[in-house]
Amino acid sequence: MACSLLALAGGCLAPPKPHAWEVSHKESQLLQEADQWPQLSTNRYVRVTDQLQDEAVGLLQDSPFVQLDEGQFRRFAPALHPPSRSEFQPFLVRGASYASRPVYTLLRFDATGGRLLIKQATYNGEMLMPFRWVAEPNALVVLLPEAPSQVYPYALLAGDGIFRGSRMDTVDTR
């Protein structure tokens, strides 16, 4: 009986498992630097609907982003206004989160380096329910002035600290 409880606790209370697309431990210093990058307006991106997530994630298997043609843009992001072709281009980009609907999403873009951070935060309920958290891939459509040089998905899993660490009026809670 004791062994069963230890095995259950060990599996349920194990550390969260990140997804392969996420910022690696080696790149984690980037997250502090990214706090200085300008935040993208919610008018410039949208999460792909649940019904199309598998298809969108499939398109991103070999590349962190894909430029979308007009038909793909309308299909994956019907809620976004079509971009002015001279100003912005639509890209399907990799994301990752610990829940299908994170508490908030925050995108930051370093225009000088072309780097894009996609941070999606999930509330873990202060671990009231033992659970093995596993990050899953997802996709977003983002309007950018140029193709990103790097895409950094980051799935944040935390307790009440996620509410203190970010001003909730500046993050996307859609």
Protein backbone atom coordinates (compact mmCIF):
# COMPACT_ATOMS: atom_id res chain seq x y z
CA MET A 1 0.00 0.00 0.00
CA ALA A 2 2.76 2.45 0.91
CA CYS A 3 4.57 1.71 -2.35
CA SER A 4 1.38 2.42 -4.31
CA LEU A 5 0.94 5.76 -2.56
CA LEU A 6 4.56 6.71 -3.22
CA ALA A 7 4.26 5.77 -6.89
CA LEU A 8 1.03 7.75 -7.21
CA ALA A 9 2.48 10.78 -5.47
CA GLY A 10 5.68 10.56 -7.50
CA GLY A 11 3.79 10.49 -10.79
CA CYS A 12 1.20 13.08 -9.85
CA LEU A 13 3.52 15.51 -8.14
CA ALA A 14 6.33 15.19 -10.66
CA PRO A 15 7.64 18.45 -12.12
CA PRO A 16 5.79 19.84 -15.15
CA LYS A 17 6.91 18.43 -18.47
CA PRO A 18 7.73 21.11 -21.05
CA HIS A 19 7.07 20.67 -24.75
CA ALA A 20 9.96 20.34 -27.20
CA TRP A 21 9.00 23.65 -28.86
CA GLU A 22 9.50 25.65 -25.67
CA VAL A 23 12.38 27.90 -24.74
CA SER A 24 15.19 25.62 -23.62
CA HIS A 25 16.88 25.92 -20.26
CA LYS A 26 19.92 27.28 -22.12
CA GLU A 27 17.77 30.07 -23.61
CA SER A 28 15.88 30.87 -20.39
CA GLN A 29 17.97 34.03 -19.83
CA LEU A 30 16.21 35.34 -22.92
CA LEU A 31 12.97 35.59 -20.93
CA GLN A 32 14.38 38.38 -18.77
CA GLU A 33 15.60 40.25 -21.84
CA ALA A 34 12.23 39.77 -23.55
CA ASP A 35 10.53 41.82 -20.80
CA GLN A 36 12.03 44.86 -22.55
CA TRP A 37 10.64 44.02 -26.00
CA PRO A 38 7.46 45.83 -27.06
CA GLN A 39 4.25 43.96 -26.36
CA LEU A 40 2.09 43.17 -29.40
CA SER A 41 -1.44 44.51 -29.45
CA THR A 42 -4.22 41.94 -29.25
CA ASN A 43 -5.34 43.32 -32.63
CA ARG A 44 -2.24 41.71 -34.14
CA TYR A 45 -2.70 38.08 -33.14
CA VAL A 46 -5.25 35.40 -32.34
CA ARG A 47 -5.10 31.81 -31.16
CA VAL A 48 -6.19 29.29 -33.78
CA THR A 49 -9.60 27.82 -32.86
CA ASP A 50 -9.68 24.45 -31.11
CA GLN A 51 -11.24 22.82 -34.19
CA LEU A 52 -8.24 23.78 -36.35
CA GLN A 53 -5.43 23.39 -33.79
CA ASP A 54 -4.37 19.91 -34.96
CA GLU A 55 -4.12 21.06 -38.56
CA ALA A 56 -2.23 24.23 -37.62
CA VAL A 57 0.19 22.37 -35.33
CA GLY A 58 0.77 19.90 -38.16
CA LEU A 59 1.85 22.73 -40.46
CA LEU A 60 4.39 23.81 -37.82
CA GLN A 61 6.09 20.44 -37.31
CA ASP A 62 9.15 21.35 -39.38
CA SER A 63 9.30 25.11 -38.86
CA PRO A 64 8.57 27.50 -35.98
CA PHE A 65 6.49 29.69 -38.30
CA VAL A 66 4.78 29.56 -41.67
CA GLN A 67 3.75 32.56 -43.76
CA LEU A 68 0.05 32.31 -44.60
CA ASP A 69 -1.57 33.02 -47.93
CA GLU A 70 -4.88 34.88 -48.01
CA GLY A 71 -7.02 31.73 -47.90
CA GLN A 72 -5.10 30.22 -44.98
CA PHE A 73 -5.24 33.53 -43.14
CA ARG A 74 -9.04 33.71 -43.46
CA ARG A 75 -9.38 30.08 -42.39
CA PHE A 76 -7.10 30.16 -39.32
CA ALA A 77 -7.84 33.72 -38.17
CA PRO A 78 -11.35 34.79 -39.22
CA ALA A 79 -11.55 37.21 -36.27
CA LEU A 80 -8.46 39.21 -37.34
CA HIS A 81 -8.81 42.05 -39.81
CA PRO A 82 -6.88 41.40 -43.01
CA PRO A 83 -3.48 43.04 -42.84
CA SER A 84 -2.36 45.83 -45.09
CA ARG A 85 -0.01 43.85 -47.33
CA SER A 86 2.55 46.64 -47.28
CA GLU A 87 2.55 46.92 -43.48
CA PHE A 88 1.99 43.44 -41.98
CA GLN A 89 2.17 39.84 -43.08
CA PRO A 90 0.26 36.94 -41.46
CA PHE A 91 2.28 34.13 -39.91
CA LEU A 92 1.21 30.92 -38.24
CA VAL A 93 3.55 30.49 -35.25
CA ARG A 94 4.28 27.87 -32.62
CA GLY A 95 2.99 28.18 -29.09
CA ALA A 96 2.79 25.93 -26.05
CA SER A 97 0.70 25.90 -22.90
CA TYR A 98 -0.34 23.67 -20.02
CA ALA A 99 -4.05 24.19 -20.75
CA SER A 100 -6.14 24.57 -23.88
CA ARG A 101 -7.23 27.98 -22.54
CA PRO A 102 -4.41 29.63 -20.60
CA VAL A 103 -5.22 32.32 -18.03
CA TYR A 104 -3.42 34.82 -20.22
CA THR A 105 -1.28 35.18 -23.32
CA LEU A 106 1.44 37.74 -23.87
CA LEU A 107 3.33 38.28 -27.12
CA ARG A 108 6.44 40.42 -27.38
CA PHE A 109 8.32 41.21 -30.58
CA ASP A 110 11.89 42.47 -30.87
CA ALA A 111 11.70 44.27 -34.22
CA THR A 112 15.46 44.90 -34.39
CA GLY A 113 16.29 41.21 -33.99
CA GLY A 114 13.06 39.75 -35.36
CA ARG A 115 12.55 37.64 -32.22
CA LEU A 116 9.03 36.72 -31.08
CA LEU A 117 8.15 35.52 -27.56
CA ILE A 118 4.82 33.76 -27.04
CA LYS A 119 4.11 33.39 -23.34
CA GLN A 120 0.97 31.52 -22.25
CA ALA A 121 0.32 31.27 -18.52
CA THR A 122 -1.69 28.54 -16.81
CA TYR A 123 -2.84 28.67 -13.20
CA ASN A 124 -2.03 25.44 -11.38
CA GLY A 125 -4.58 25.96 -8.59
CA GLU A 126 -1.72 26.08 -6.10
CA MET A 127 -1.53 22.32 -6.68
CA LEU A 128 -4.75 21.61 -4.80
CA MET A 129 -5.32 18.65 -7.08
CA PRO A 130 -2.27 16.46 -7.66
CA PHE A 131 -1.82 16.34 -11.40
CA ARG A 132 0.98 15.67 -13.87
CA TRP A 133 1.14 18.85 -15.95
CA VAL A 134 2.31 18.36 -19.54
CA ALA A 135 2.72 21.25 -21.97
CA GLU A 136 0.97 20.82 -25.30
CA PRO A 137 1.71 22.56 -28.60
CA ASN A 138 -0.68 25.09 -30.06
CA ALA A 139 -0.67 27.66 -32.83
CA LEU A 140 -1.40 31.35 -33.18
CA VAL A 141 -1.74 33.65 -36.16
CA VAL A 142 0.36 36.79 -35.78
CA LEU A 143 0.56 39.88 -37.99
CA LEU A 144 4.20 41.00 -38.19
CA PRO A 145 6.08 43.51 -40.34
CA GLU A 146 8.50 40.76 -41.39
CA ALA A 147 9.16 37.08 -40.85
CA PRO A 148 10.47 36.36 -37.36
CA SER A 149 14.09 35.27 -37.07
CA GLN A 150 13.29 33.22 -33.95
CA VAL A 151 10.07 32.11 -32.26
CA TYR A 152 10.20 31.40 -28.52
CA PRO A 153 7.12 29.61 -27.15
CA TYR A 154 7.03 29.67 -23.35
CA ALA A 155 4.42 27.82 -21.29
CA LEU A 156 4.28 29.24 -17.78
CA LEU A 157 2.75 27.14 -15.02
CA ALA A 158 2.40 28.81 -11.66
CA GLY A 159 0.18 29.58 -8.72
CA ASP A 160 -1.03 32.97 -7.58
CA GLY A 161 2.30 34.46 -8.67
CA ILE A 162 1.16 34.62 -12.28
CA PHE A 163 -1.41 37.21 -11.25
CA ARG A 164 1.11 39.29 -9.31
CA GLY A 165 3.84 39.09 -11.93
CA SER A 166 1.82 40.62 -14.75
CA ARG A 167 -0.57 43.51 -14.86
CA MET A 168 -3.79 41.81 -15.84
CA ASP A 169 -4.92 44.88 -17.77
CA THR A 170 -1.96 44.50 -20.16
CA VAL A 171 -2.29 40.80 -20.97
CA ASP A 172 -4.65 38.95 -23.26
CA THR A 173 -7.23 36.97 -21.29
CA ARG A 174 -9.24 35.90 -24.34
